[in-house]
Amino acid sequence: FDLFEQSGQIISINCSGERLYILN
């Protein structure tokens, strides 16, 4: 997660009731 925060924007989404995340 720390590497992802350094590289871009993290967007939280709902996928059929499960919390997933998009790294932009």
PDBML (XML) file of the C-alpha atoms, coordinates in Angstrom:
<?xml version="1.0" encoding="UTF-8" ?>
<PDBx:datablock datablockName="MODEL"
   xmlns:PDBx="http://pdbml.pdb.org/schema/pdbx-v50.xsd"
   xmlns:xsi="http://www.w3.org/2001/XMLSchema-instance"
   xsi:schemaLocation="http://pdbml.pdb.org/schema/pdbx-v50.xsd pdbx-v50.xsd">
   <PDBx:atom_siteCategory>
      <PDBx:atom_site id="1">
         <PDBx:B_iso_or_equiv>0.00</PDBx:B_iso_or_equiv>
         <PDBx:Cartn_x>0.000</PDBx:Cartn_x>
         <PDBx:Cartn_y>0.000</PDBx:Cartn_y>
         <PDBx:Cartn_z>0.000</PDBx:Cartn_z>
         <PDBx:auth_asym_id>A</PDBx:auth_asym_id>
         <PDBx:auth_atom_id>CA</PDBx:auth_atom_id>
         <PDBx:auth_comp_id>PHE</PDBx:auth_comp_id>
         <PDBx:auth_seq_id>1</PDBx:auth_seq_id>
         <PDBx:group_PDB>ATOM</PDBx:group_PDB>
         <PDBx:label_alt_id xsi:nil="true" />
         <PDBx:label_asym_id>A</PDBx:label_asym_id>
         <PDBx:label_atom_id>CA</PDBx:label_atom_id>
         <PDBx:label_comp_id>PHE</PDBx:label_comp_id>
         <PDBx:label_entity_id>1</PDBx:label_entity_id>
         <PDBx:label_seq_id>1</PDBx:label_seq_id>
         <PDBx:occupancy>1.00</PDBx:occupancy>
         <PDBx:pdbx_PDB_model_num>1</PDBx:pdbx_PDB_model_num>
         <PDBx:type_symbol>C</PDBx:type_symbol>
      </PDBx:atom_site>
      <PDBx:atom_site id="2">
         <PDBx:B_iso_or_equiv>0.00</PDBx:B_iso_or_equiv>
         <PDBx:Cartn_x>2.847</PDBx:Cartn_x>
         <PDBx:Cartn_y>2.430</PDBx:Cartn_y>
         <PDBx:Cartn_z>0.788</PDBx:Cartn_z>
         <PDBx:auth_asym_id>A</PDBx:auth_asym_id>
         <PDBx:auth_atom_id>CA</PDBx:auth_atom_id>
         <PDBx:auth_comp_id>ASP</PDBx:auth_comp_id>
         <PDBx:auth_seq_id>2</PDBx:auth_seq_id>
         <PDBx:group_PDB>ATOM</PDBx:group_PDB>
         <PDBx:label_alt_id xsi:nil="true" />
         <PDBx:label_asym_id>A</PDBx:label_asym_id>
         <PDBx:label_atom_id>CA</PDBx:label_atom_id>
         <PDBx:label_comp_id>ASP</PDBx:label_comp_id>
         <PDBx:label_entity_id>1</PDBx:label_entity_id>
         <PDBx:label_seq_id>2</PDBx:label_seq_id>
         <PDBx:occupancy>1.00</PDBx:occupancy>
         <PDBx:pdbx_PDB_model_num>1</PDBx:pdbx_PDB_model_num>
         <PDBx:type_symbol>C</PDBx:type_symbol>
      </PDBx:atom_site>
      <PDBx:atom_site id="3">
         <PDBx:B_iso_or_equiv>0.00</PDBx:B_iso_or_equiv>
         <PDBx:Cartn_x>4.270</PDBx:Cartn_x>
         <PDBx:Cartn_y>1.919</PDBx:Cartn_y>
         <PDBx:Cartn_z>-2.714</PDBx:Cartn_z>
         <PDBx:auth_asym_id>A</PDBx:auth_asym_id>
         <PDBx:auth_atom_id>CA</PDBx:auth_atom_id>
         <PDBx:auth_comp_id>LEU</PDBx:auth_comp_id>
         <PDBx:auth_seq_id>3</PDBx:auth_seq_id>
         <PDBx:group_PDB>ATOM</PDBx:group_PDB>
         <PDBx:label_alt_id xsi:nil="true" />
         <PDBx:label_asym_id>A</PDBx:label_asym_id>
         <PDBx:label_atom_id>CA</PDBx:label_atom_id>
         <PDBx:label_comp_id>LEU</PDBx:label_comp_id>
         <PDBx:label_entity_id>1</PDBx:label_entity_id>
         <PDBx:label_seq_id>3</PDBx:label_seq_id>
         <PDBx:occupancy>1.00</PDBx:occupancy>
         <PDBx:pdbx_PDB_model_num>1</PDBx:pdbx_PDB_model_num>
         <PDBx:type_symbol>C</PDBx:type_symbol>
      </PDBx:atom_site>
      <PDBx:atom_site id="4">
         <PDBx:B_iso_or_equiv>0.00</PDBx:B_iso_or_equiv>
         <PDBx:Cartn_x>0.841</PDBx:Cartn_x>
         <PDBx:Cartn_y>2.489</PDBx:Cartn_y>
         <PDBx:Cartn_z>-4.233</PDBx:Cartn_z>
         <PDBx:auth_asym_id>A</PDBx:auth_asym_id>
         <PDBx:auth_atom_id>CA</PDBx:auth_atom_id>
         <PDBx:auth_comp_id>PHE</PDBx:auth_comp_id>
         <PDBx:auth_seq_id>4</PDBx:auth_seq_id>
         <PDBx:group_PDB>ATOM</PDBx:group_PDB>
         <PDBx:label_alt_id xsi:nil="true" />
         <PDBx:label_asym_id>A</PDBx:label_asym_id>
         <PDBx:label_atom_id>CA</PDBx:label_atom_id>
         <PDBx:label_comp_id>PHE</PDBx:label_comp_id>
         <PDBx:label_entity_id>1</PDBx:label_entity_id>
         <PDBx:label_seq_id>4</PDBx:label_seq_id>
         <PDBx:occupancy>1.00</PDBx:occupancy>
         <PDBx:pdbx_PDB_model_num>1</PDBx:pdbx_PDB_model_num>
         <PDBx:type_symbol>C</PDBx:type_symbol>
      </PDBx:atom_site>
      <PDBx:atom_site id="5">
         <PDBx:B_iso_or_equiv>0.00</PDBx:B_iso_or_equiv>
         <PDBx:Cartn_x>0.376</PDBx:Cartn_x>
         <PDBx:Cartn_y>5.742</PDBx:Cartn_y>
         <PDBx:Cartn_z>-2.299</PDBx:Cartn_z>
         <PDBx:auth_asym_id>A</PDBx:auth_asym_id>
         <PDBx:auth_atom_id>CA</PDBx:auth_atom_id>
         <PDBx:auth_comp_id>GLU</PDBx:auth_comp_id>
         <PDBx:auth_seq_id>5</PDBx:auth_seq_id>
         <PDBx:group_PDB>ATOM</PDBx:group_PDB>
         <PDBx:label_alt_id xsi:nil="true" />
         <PDBx:label_asym_id>A</PDBx:label_asym_id>
         <PDBx:label_atom_id>CA</PDBx:label_atom_id>
         <PDBx:label_comp_id>GLU</PDBx:label_comp_id>
         <PDBx:label_entity_id>1</PDBx:label_entity_id>
         <PDBx:label_seq_id>5</PDBx:label_seq_id>
         <PDBx:occupancy>1.00</PDBx:occupancy>
         <PDBx:pdbx_PDB_model_num>1</PDBx:pdbx_PDB_model_num>
         <PDBx:type_symbol>C</PDBx:type_symbol>
      </PDBx:atom_site>
      <PDBx:atom_site id="6">
         <PDBx:B_iso_or_equiv>0.00</PDBx:B_iso_or_equiv>
         <PDBx:Cartn_x>3.719</PDBx:Cartn_x>
         <PDBx:Cartn_y>6.939</PDBx:Cartn_y>
         <PDBx:Cartn_z>-3.646</PDBx:Cartn_z>
         <PDBx:auth_asym_id>A</PDBx:auth_asym_id>
         <PDBx:auth_atom_id>CA</PDBx:auth_atom_id>
         <PDBx:auth_comp_id>GLN</PDBx:auth_comp_id>
         <PDBx:auth_seq_id>6</PDBx:auth_seq_id>
         <PDBx:group_PDB>ATOM</PDBx:group_PDB>
         <PDBx:label_alt_id xsi:nil="true" />
         <PDBx:label_asym_id>A</PDBx:label_asym_id>
         <PDBx:label_atom_id>CA</PDBx:label_atom_id>
         <PDBx:label_comp_id>GLN</PDBx:label_comp_id>
         <PDBx:label_entity_id>1</PDBx:label_entity_id>
         <PDBx:label_seq_id>6</PDBx:label_seq_id>
         <PDBx:occupancy>1.00</PDBx:occupancy>
         <PDBx:pdbx_PDB_model_num>1</PDBx:pdbx_PDB_model_num>
         <PDBx:type_symbol>C</PDBx:type_symbol>
      </PDBx:atom_site>
      <PDBx:atom_site id="7">
         <PDBx:B_iso_or_equiv>0.00</PDBx:B_iso_or_equiv>
         <PDBx:Cartn_x>2.809</PDBx:Cartn_x>
         <PDBx:Cartn_y>6.157</PDBx:Cartn_y>
         <PDBx:Cartn_z>-7.242</PDBx:Cartn_z>
         <PDBx:auth_asym_id>A</PDBx:auth_asym_id>
         <PDBx:auth_atom_id>CA</PDBx:auth_atom_id>
         <PDBx:auth_comp_id>SER</PDBx:auth_comp_id>
         <PDBx:auth_seq_id>7</PDBx:auth_seq_id>
         <PDBx:group_PDB>ATOM</PDBx:group_PDB>
         <PDBx:label_alt_id xsi:nil="true" />
         <PDBx:label_asym_id>A</PDBx:label_asym_id>
         <PDBx:label_atom_id>CA</PDBx:label_atom_id>
         <PDBx:label_comp_id>SER</PDBx:label_comp_id>
         <PDBx:label_entity_id>1</PDBx:label_entity_id>
         <PDBx:label_seq_id>7</PDBx:label_seq_id>
         <PDBx:occupancy>1.00</PDBx:occupancy>
         <PDBx:pdbx_PDB_model_num>1</PDBx:pdbx_PDB_model_num>
         <PDBx:type_symbol>C</PDBx:type_symbol>
      </PDBx:atom_site>
      <PDBx:atom_site id="8">
         <PDBx:B_iso_or_equiv>0.00</PDBx:B_iso_or_equiv>
         <PDBx:Cartn_x>-0.678</PDBx:Cartn_x>
         <PDBx:Cartn_y>7.591</PDBx:Cartn_y>
         <PDBx:Cartn_z>-7.570</PDBx:Cartn_z>
         <PDBx:auth_asym_id>A</PDBx:auth_asym_id>
         <PDBx:auth_atom_id>CA</PDBx:auth_atom_id>
         <PDBx:auth_comp_id>GLY</PDBx:auth_comp_id>
         <PDBx:auth_seq_id>8</PDBx:auth_seq_id>
         <PDBx:group_PDB>ATOM</PDBx:group_PDB>
         <PDBx:label_alt_id xsi:nil="true" />
         <PDBx:label_asym_id>A</PDBx:label_asym_id>
         <PDBx:label_atom_id>CA</PDBx:label_atom_id>
         <PDBx:label_comp_id>GLY</PDBx:label_comp_id>
         <PDBx:label_entity_id>1</PDBx:label_entity_id>
         <PDBx:label_seq_id>8</PDBx:label_seq_id>
         <PDBx:occupancy>1.00</PDBx:occupancy>
         <PDBx:pdbx_PDB_model_num>1</PDBx:pdbx_PDB_model_num>
         <PDBx:type_symbol>C</PDBx:type_symbol>
      </PDBx:atom_site>
      <PDBx:atom_site id="9">
         <PDBx:B_iso_or_equiv>0.00</PDBx:B_iso_or_equiv>
         <PDBx:Cartn_x>-4.290</PDBx:Cartn_x>
         <PDBx:Cartn_y>7.965</PDBx:Cartn_y>
         <PDBx:Cartn_z>-6.473</PDBx:Cartn_z>
         <PDBx:auth_asym_id>A</PDBx:auth_asym_id>
         <PDBx:auth_atom_id>CA</PDBx:auth_atom_id>
         <PDBx:auth_comp_id>GLN</PDBx:auth_comp_id>
         <PDBx:auth_seq_id>9</PDBx:auth_seq_id>
         <PDBx:group_PDB>ATOM</PDBx:group_PDB>
         <PDBx:label_alt_id xsi:nil="true" />
         <PDBx:label_asym_id>A</PDBx:label_asym_id>
         <PDBx:label_atom_id>CA</PDBx:label_atom_id>
         <PDBx:label_comp_id>GLN</PDBx:label_comp_id>
         <PDBx:label_entity_id>1</PDBx:label_entity_id>
         <PDBx:label_seq_id>9</PDBx:label_seq_id>
         <PDBx:occupancy>1.00</PDBx:occupancy>
         <PDBx:pdbx_PDB_model_num>1</PDBx:pdbx_PDB_model_num>
         <PDBx:type_symbol>C</PDBx:type_symbol>
      </PDBx:atom_site>
      <PDBx:atom_site id="10">
         <PDBx:B_iso_or_equiv>0.00</PDBx:B_iso_or_equiv>
         <PDBx:Cartn_x>-6.158</PDBx:Cartn_x>
         <PDBx:Cartn_y>5.176</PDBx:Cartn_y>
         <PDBx:Cartn_z>-4.677</PDBx:Cartn_z>
         <PDBx:auth_asym_id>A</PDBx:auth_asym_id>
         <PDBx:auth_atom_id>CA</PDBx:auth_atom_id>
         <PDBx:auth_comp_id>ILE</PDBx:auth_comp_id>
         <PDBx:auth_seq_id>10</PDBx:auth_seq_id>
         <PDBx:group_PDB>ATOM</PDBx:group_PDB>
         <PDBx:label_alt_id xsi:nil="true" />
         <PDBx:label_asym_id>A</PDBx:label_asym_id>
         <PDBx:label_atom_id>CA</PDBx:label_atom_id>
         <PDBx:label_comp_id>ILE</PDBx:label_comp_id>
         <PDBx:label_entity_id>1</PDBx:label_entity_id>
         <PDBx:label_seq_id>10</PDBx:label_seq_id>
         <PDBx:occupancy>1.00</PDBx:occupancy>
         <PDBx:pdbx_PDB_model_num>1</PDBx:pdbx_PDB_model_num>
         <PDBx:type_symbol>C</PDBx:type_symbol>
      </PDBx:atom_site>
      <PDBx:atom_site id="11">
         <PDBx:B_iso_or_equiv>0.00</PDBx:B_iso_or_equiv>
         <PDBx:Cartn_x>-9.901</PDBx:Cartn_x>
         <PDBx:Cartn_y>4.965</PDBx:Cartn_y>
         <PDBx:Cartn_z>-5.315</PDBx:Cartn_z>
         <PDBx:auth_asym_id>A</PDBx:auth_asym_id>
         <PDBx:auth_atom_id>CA</PDBx:auth_atom_id>
         <PDBx:auth_comp_id>ILE</PDBx:auth_comp_id>
         <PDBx:auth_seq_id>11</PDBx:auth_seq_id>
         <PDBx:group_PDB>ATOM</PDBx:group_PDB>
         <PDBx:label_alt_id xsi:nil="true" />
         <PDBx:label_asym_id>A</PDBx:label_asym_id>
         <PDBx:label_atom_id>CA</PDBx:label_atom_id>
         <PDBx:label_comp_id>ILE</PDBx:label_comp_id>
         <PDBx:label_entity_id>1</PDBx:label_entity_id>
         <PDBx:label_seq_id>11</PDBx:label_seq_id>
         <PDBx:occupancy>1.00</PDBx:occupancy>
         <PDBx:pdbx_PDB_model_num>1</PDBx:pdbx_PDB_model_num>
         <PDBx:type_symbol>C</PDBx:type_symbol>
      </PDBx:atom_site>
      <PDBx:atom_site id="12">
         <PDBx:B_iso_or_equiv>0.00</PDBx:B_iso_or_equiv>
         <PDBx:Cartn_x>-12.214</PDBx:Cartn_x>
         <PDBx:Cartn_y>2.804</PDBx:Cartn_y>
         <PDBx:Cartn_z>-3.209</PDBx:Cartn_z>
         <PDBx:auth_asym_id>A</PDBx:auth_asym_id>
         <PDBx:auth_atom_id>CA</PDBx:auth_atom_id>
         <PDBx:auth_comp_id>SER</PDBx:auth_comp_id>
         <PDBx:auth_seq_id>12</PDBx:auth_seq_id>
         <PDBx:group_PDB>ATOM</PDBx:group_PDB>
         <PDBx:label_alt_id xsi:nil="true" />
         <PDBx:label_asym_id>A</PDBx:label_asym_id>
         <PDBx:label_atom_id>CA</PDBx:label_atom_id>
         <PDBx:label_comp_id>SER</PDBx:label_comp_id>
         <PDBx:label_entity_id>1</PDBx:label_entity_id>
         <PDBx:label_seq_id>12</PDBx:label_seq_id>
         <PDBx:occupancy>1.00</PDBx:occupancy>
         <PDBx:pdbx_PDB_model_num>1</PDBx:pdbx_PDB_model_num>
         <PDBx:type_symbol>C</PDBx:type_symbol>
      </PDBx:atom_site>
      <PDBx:atom_site id="13">
         <PDBx:B_iso_or_equiv>0.00</PDBx:B_iso_or_equiv>
         <PDBx:Cartn_x>-14.980</PDBx:Cartn_x>
         <PDBx:Cartn_y>0.968</PDBx:Cartn_y>
         <PDBx:Cartn_z>-5.109</PDBx:Cartn_z>
         <PDBx:auth_asym_id>A</PDBx:auth_asym_id>
         <PDBx:auth_atom_id>CA</PDBx:auth_atom_id>
         <PDBx:auth_comp_id>ILE</PDBx:auth_comp_id>
         <PDBx:auth_seq_id>13</PDBx:auth_seq_id>
         <PDBx:group_PDB>ATOM</PDBx:group_PDB>
         <PDBx:label_alt_id xsi:nil="true" />
         <PDBx:label_asym_id>A</PDBx:label_asym_id>
         <PDBx:label_atom_id>CA</PDBx:label_atom_id>
         <PDBx:label_comp_id>ILE</PDBx:label_comp_id>
         <PDBx:label_entity_id>1</PDBx:label_entity_id>
         <PDBx:label_seq_id>13</PDBx:label_seq_id>
         <PDBx:occupancy>1.00</PDBx:occupancy>
         <PDBx:pdbx_PDB_model_num>1</PDBx:pdbx_PDB_model_num>
         <PDBx:type_symbol>C</PDBx:type_symbol>
      </PDBx:atom_site>
      <PDBx:atom_site id="14">
         <PDBx:B_iso_or_equiv>0.00</PDBx:B_iso_or_equiv>
         <PDBx:Cartn_x>-17.739</PDBx:Cartn_x>
         <PDBx:Cartn_y>-1.533</PDBx:Cartn_y>
         <PDBx:Cartn_z>-4.387</PDBx:Cartn_z>
         <PDBx:auth_asym_id>A</PDBx:auth_asym_id>
         <PDBx:auth_atom_id>CA</PDBx:auth_atom_id>
         <PDBx:auth_comp_id>ASN</PDBx:auth_comp_id>
         <PDBx:auth_seq_id>14</PDBx:auth_seq_id>
         <PDBx:group_PDB>ATOM</PDBx:group_PDB>
         <PDBx:label_alt_id xsi:nil="true" />
         <PDBx:label_asym_id>A</PDBx:label_asym_id>
         <PDBx:label_atom_id>CA</PDBx:label_atom_id>
         <PDBx:label_comp_id>ASN</PDBx:label_comp_id>
         <PDBx:label_entity_id>1</PDBx:label_entity_id>
         <PDBx:label_seq_id>14</PDBx:label_seq_id>
         <PDBx:occupancy>1.00</PDBx:occupancy>
         <PDBx:pdbx_PDB_model_num>1</PDBx:pdbx_PDB_model_num>
         <PDBx:type_symbol>C</PDBx:type_symbol>
      </PDBx:atom_site>
      <PDBx:atom_site id="15">
         <PDBx:B_iso_or_equiv>0.00</PDBx:B_iso_or_equiv>
         <PDBx:Cartn_x>-17.722</PDBx:Cartn_x>
         <PDBx:Cartn_y>-4.728</PDBx:Cartn_y>
         <PDBx:Cartn_z>-6.448</PDBx:Cartn_z>
         <PDBx:auth_asym_id>A</PDBx:auth_asym_id>
         <PDBx:auth_atom_id>CA</PDBx:auth_atom_id>
         <PDBx:auth_comp_id>CYS</PDBx:auth_comp_id>
         <PDBx:auth_seq_id>15</PDBx:auth_seq_id>
         <PDBx:group_PDB>ATOM</PDBx:group_PDB>
         <PDBx:label_alt_id xsi:nil="true" />
         <PDBx:label_asym_id>A</PDBx:label_asym_id>
         <PDBx:label_atom_id>CA</PDBx:label_atom_id>
         <PDBx:label_comp_id>CYS</PDBx:label_comp_id>
         <PDBx:label_entity_id>1</PDBx:label_entity_id>
         <PDBx:label_seq_id>15</PDBx:label_seq_id>
         <PDBx:occupancy>1.00</PDBx:occupancy>
         <PDBx:pdbx_PDB_model_num>1</PDBx:pdbx_PDB_model_num>
         <PDBx:type_symbol>C</PDBx:type_symbol>
      </PDBx:atom_site>
      <PDBx:atom_site id="16">
         <PDBx:B_iso_or_equiv>0.00</PDBx:B_iso_or_equiv>
         <PDBx:Cartn_x>-20.749</PDBx:Cartn_x>
         <PDBx:Cartn_y>-6.944</PDBx:Cartn_y>
         <PDBx:Cartn_z>-5.786</PDBx:Cartn_z>
         <PDBx:auth_asym_id>A</PDBx:auth_asym_id>
         <PDBx:auth_atom_id>CA</PDBx:auth_atom_id>
         <PDBx:auth_comp_id>SER</PDBx:auth_comp_id>
         <PDBx:auth_seq_id>16</PDBx:auth_seq_id>
         <PDBx:group_PDB>ATOM</PDBx:group_PDB>
         <PDBx:label_alt_id xsi:nil="true" />
         <PDBx:label_asym_id>A</PDBx:label_asym_id>
         <PDBx:label_atom_id>CA</PDBx:label_atom_id>
         <PDBx:label_comp_id>SER</PDBx:label_comp_id>
         <PDBx:label_entity_id>1</PDBx:label_entity_id>
         <PDBx:label_seq_id>16</PDBx:label_seq_id>
         <PDBx:occupancy>1.00</PDBx:occupancy>
         <PDBx:pdbx_PDB_model_num>1</PDBx:pdbx_PDB_model_num>
         <PDBx:type_symbol>C</PDBx:type_symbol>
      </PDBx:atom_site>
      <PDBx:atom_site id="17">
         <PDBx:B_iso_or_equiv>0.00</PDBx:B_iso_or_equiv>
         <PDBx:Cartn_x>-20.576</PDBx:Cartn_x>
         <PDBx:Cartn_y>-6.154</PDBx:Cartn_y>
         <PDBx:Cartn_z>-2.070</PDBx:Cartn_z>
         <PDBx:auth_asym_id>A</PDBx:auth_asym_id>
         <PDBx:auth_atom_id>CA</PDBx:auth_atom_id>
         <PDBx:auth_comp_id>GLY</PDBx:auth_comp_id>
         <PDBx:auth_seq_id>17</PDBx:auth_seq_id>
         <PDBx:group_PDB>ATOM</PDBx:group_PDB>
         <PDBx:label_alt_id xsi:nil="true" />
         <PDBx:label_asym_id>A</PDBx:label_asym_id>
         <PDBx:label_atom_id>CA</PDBx:label_atom_id>
         <PDBx:label_comp_id>GLY</PDBx:label_comp_id>
         <PDBx:label_entity_id>1</PDBx:label_entity_id>
         <PDBx:label_seq_id>17</PDBx:label_seq_id>
         <PDBx:occupancy>1.00</PDBx:occupancy>
         <PDBx:pdbx_PDB_model_num>1</PDBx:pdbx_PDB_model_num>
         <PDBx:type_symbol>C</PDBx:type_symbol>
      </PDBx:atom_site>
      <PDBx:atom_site id="18">
         <PDBx:B_iso_or_equiv>0.00</PDBx:B_iso_or_equiv>
         <PDBx:Cartn_x>-16.799</PDBx:Cartn_x>
         <PDBx:Cartn_y>-6.471</PDBx:Cartn_y>
         <PDBx:Cartn_z>-1.756</PDBx:Cartn_z>
         <PDBx:auth_asym_id>A</PDBx:auth_asym_id>
         <PDBx:auth_atom_id>CA</PDBx:auth_atom_id>
         <PDBx:auth_comp_id>GLU</PDBx:auth_comp_id>
         <PDBx:auth_seq_id>18</PDBx:auth_seq_id>
         <PDBx:group_PDB>ATOM</PDBx:group_PDB>
         <PDBx:label_alt_id xsi:nil="true" />
         <PDBx:label_asym_id>A</PDBx:label_asym_id>
         <PDBx:label_atom_id>CA</PDBx:label_atom_id>
         <PDBx:label_comp_id>GLU</PDBx:label_comp_id>
         <PDBx:label_entity_id>1</PDBx:label_entity_id>
         <PDBx:label_seq_id>18</PDBx:label_seq_id>
         <PDBx:occupancy>1.00</PDBx:occupancy>
         <PDBx:pdbx_PDB_model_num>1</PDBx:pdbx_PDB_model_num>
         <PDBx:type_symbol>C</PDBx:type_symbol>
      </PDBx:atom_site>
      <PDBx:atom_site id="19">
         <PDBx:B_iso_or_equiv>0.00</PDBx:B_iso_or_equiv>
         <PDBx:Cartn_x>-14.528</PDBx:Cartn_x>
         <PDBx:Cartn_y>-3.495</PDBx:Cartn_y>
         <PDBx:Cartn_z>-1.125</PDBx:Cartn_z>
         <PDBx:auth_asym_id>A</PDBx:auth_asym_id>
         <PDBx:auth_atom_id>CA</PDBx:auth_atom_id>
         <PDBx:auth_comp_id>ARG</PDBx:auth_comp_id>
         <PDBx:auth_seq_id>19</PDBx:auth_seq_id>
         <PDBx:group_PDB>ATOM</PDBx:group_PDB>
         <PDBx:label_alt_id xsi:nil="true" />
         <PDBx:label_asym_id>A</PDBx:label_asym_id>
         <PDBx:label_atom_id>CA</PDBx:label_atom_id>
         <PDBx:label_comp_id>ARG</PDBx:label_comp_id>
         <PDBx:label_entity_id>1</PDBx:label_entity_id>
         <PDBx:label_seq_id>19</PDBx:label_seq_id>
         <PDBx:occupancy>1.00</PDBx:occupancy>
         <PDBx:pdbx_PDB_model_num>1</PDBx:pdbx_PDB_model_num>
         <PDBx:type_symbol>C</PDBx:type_symbol>
      </PDBx:atom_site>
      <PDBx:atom_site id="20">
         <PDBx:B_iso_or_equiv>0.00</PDBx:B_iso_or_equiv>
         <PDBx:Cartn_x>-11.862</PDBx:Cartn_x>
         <PDBx:Cartn_y>-3.219</PDBx:Cartn_y>
         <PDBx:Cartn_z>-3.821</PDBx:Cartn_z>
         <PDBx:auth_asym_id>A</PDBx:auth_asym_id>
         <PDBx:auth_atom_id>CA</PDBx:auth_atom_id>
         <PDBx:auth_comp_id>LEU</PDBx:auth_comp_id>
         <PDBx:auth_seq_id>20</PDBx:auth_seq_id>
         <PDBx:group_PDB>ATOM</PDBx:group_PDB>
         <PDBx:label_alt_id xsi:nil="true" />
         <PDBx:label_asym_id>A</PDBx:label_asym_id>
         <PDBx:label_atom_id>CA</PDBx:label_atom_id>
         <PDBx:label_comp_id>LEU</PDBx:label_comp_id>
         <PDBx:label_entity_id>1</PDBx:label_entity_id>
         <PDBx:label_seq_id>20</PDBx:label_seq_id>
         <PDBx:occupancy>1.00</PDBx:occupancy>
         <PDBx:pdbx_PDB_model_num>1</PDBx:pdbx_PDB_model_num>
         <PDBx:type_symbol>C</PDBx:type_symbol>
      </PDBx:atom_site>
      <PDBx:atom_site id="21">
         <PDBx:B_iso_or_equiv>0.00</PDBx:B_iso_or_equiv>
         <PDBx:Cartn_x>-9.436</PDBx:Cartn_x>
         <PDBx:Cartn_y>-0.467</PDBx:Cartn_y>
         <PDBx:Cartn_z>-4.727</PDBx:Cartn_z>
         <PDBx:auth_asym_id>A</PDBx:auth_asym_id>
         <PDBx:auth_atom_id>CA</PDBx:auth_atom_id>
         <PDBx:auth_comp_id>TYR</PDBx:auth_comp_id>
         <PDBx:auth_seq_id>21</PDBx:auth_seq_id>
         <PDBx:group_PDB>ATOM</PDBx:group_PDB>
         <PDBx:label_alt_id xsi:nil="true" />
         <PDBx:label_asym_id>A</PDBx:label_asym_id>
         <PDBx:label_atom_id>CA</PDBx:label_atom_id>
         <PDBx:label_comp_id>TYR</PDBx:label_comp_id>
         <PDBx:label_entity_id>1</PDBx:label_entity_id>
         <PDBx:label_seq_id>21</PDBx:label_seq_id>
         <PDBx:occupancy>1.00</PDBx:occupancy>
         <PDBx:pdbx_PDB_model_num>1</PDBx:pdbx_PDB_model_num>
         <PDBx:type_symbol>C</PDBx:type_symbol>
      </PDBx:atom_site>
      <PDBx:atom_site id="22">
         <PDBx:B_iso_or_equiv>0.00</PDBx:B_iso_or_equiv>
         <PDBx:Cartn_x>-8.180</PDBx:Cartn_x>
         <PDBx:Cartn_y>1.085</PDBx:Cartn_y>
         <PDBx:Cartn_z>-7.954</PDBx:Cartn_z>
         <PDBx:auth_asym_id>A</PDBx:auth_asym_id>
         <PDBx:auth_atom_id>CA</PDBx:auth_atom_id>
         <PDBx:auth_comp_id>ILE</PDBx:auth_comp_id>
         <PDBx:auth_seq_id>22</PDBx:auth_seq_id>
         <PDBx:group_PDB>ATOM</PDBx:group_PDB>
         <PDBx:label_alt_id xsi:nil="true" />
         <PDBx:label_asym_id>A</PDBx:label_asym_id>
         <PDBx:label_atom_id>CA</PDBx:label_atom_id>
         <PDBx:label_comp_id>ILE</PDBx:label_comp_id>
         <PDBx:label_entity_id>1</PDBx:label_entity_id>
         <PDBx:label_seq_id>22</PDBx:label_seq_id>
         <PDBx:occupancy>1.00</PDBx:occupancy>
         <PDBx:pdbx_PDB_model_num>1</PDBx:pdbx_PDB_model_num>
         <PDBx:type_symbol>C</PDBx:type_symbol>
      </PDBx:atom_site>
      <PDBx:atom_site id="23">
         <PDBx:B_iso_or_equiv>0.00</PDBx:B_iso_or_equiv>
         <PDBx:Cartn_x>-4.646</PDBx:Cartn_x>
         <PDBx:Cartn_y>2.397</PDBx:Cartn_y>
         <PDBx:Cartn_z>-8.236</PDBx:Cartn_z>
         <PDBx:auth_asym_id>A</PDBx:auth_asym_id>
         <PDBx:auth_atom_id>CA</PDBx:auth_atom_id>
         <PDBx:auth_comp_id>LEU</PDBx:auth_comp_id>
         <PDBx:auth_seq_id>23</PDBx:auth_seq_id>
         <PDBx:group_PDB>ATOM</PDBx:group_PDB>
         <PDBx:label_alt_id xsi:nil="true" />
         <PDBx:label_asym_id>A</PDBx:label_asym_id>
         <PDBx:label_atom_id>CA</PDBx:label_atom_id>
         <PDBx:label_comp_id>LEU</PDBx:label_comp_id>
         <PDBx:label_entity_id>1</PDBx:label_entity_id>
         <PDBx:label_seq_id>23</PDBx:label_seq_id>
         <PDBx:occupancy>1.00</PDBx:occupancy>
         <PDBx:pdbx_PDB_model_num>1</PDBx:pdbx_PDB_model_num>
         <PDBx:type_symbol>C</PDBx:type_symbol>
      </PDBx:atom_site>
      <PDBx:atom_site id="24">
         <PDBx:B_iso_or_equiv>0.00</PDBx:B_iso_or_equiv>
         <PDBx:Cartn_x>-4.681</PDBx:Cartn_x>
         <PDBx:Cartn_y>5.284</PDBx:Cartn_y>
         <PDBx:Cartn_z>-10.693</PDBx:Cartn_z>
         <PDBx:auth_asym_id>A</PDBx:auth_asym_id>
         <PDBx:auth_atom_id>CA</PDBx:auth_atom_id>
         <PDBx:auth_comp_id>ASN</PDBx:auth_comp_id>
         <PDBx:auth_seq_id>24</PDBx:auth_seq_id>
         <PDBx:group_PDB>ATOM</PDBx:group_PDB>
         <PDBx:label_alt_id xsi:nil="true" />
         <PDBx:label_asym_id>A</PDBx:label_asym_id>
         <PDBx:label_atom_id>CA</PDBx:label_atom_id>
         <PDBx:label_comp_id>ASN</PDBx:label_comp_id>
         <PDBx:label_entity_id>1</PDBx:label_entity_id>
         <PDBx:label_seq_id>24</PDBx:label_seq_id>
         <PDBx:occupancy>1.00</PDBx:occupancy>
         <PDBx:pdbx_PDB_model_num>1</PDBx:pdbx_PDB_model_num>
         <PDBx:type_symbol>C</PDBx:type_symbol>
      </PDBx:atom_site>
   </PDBx:atom_siteCategory>
</PDBx:datablock>
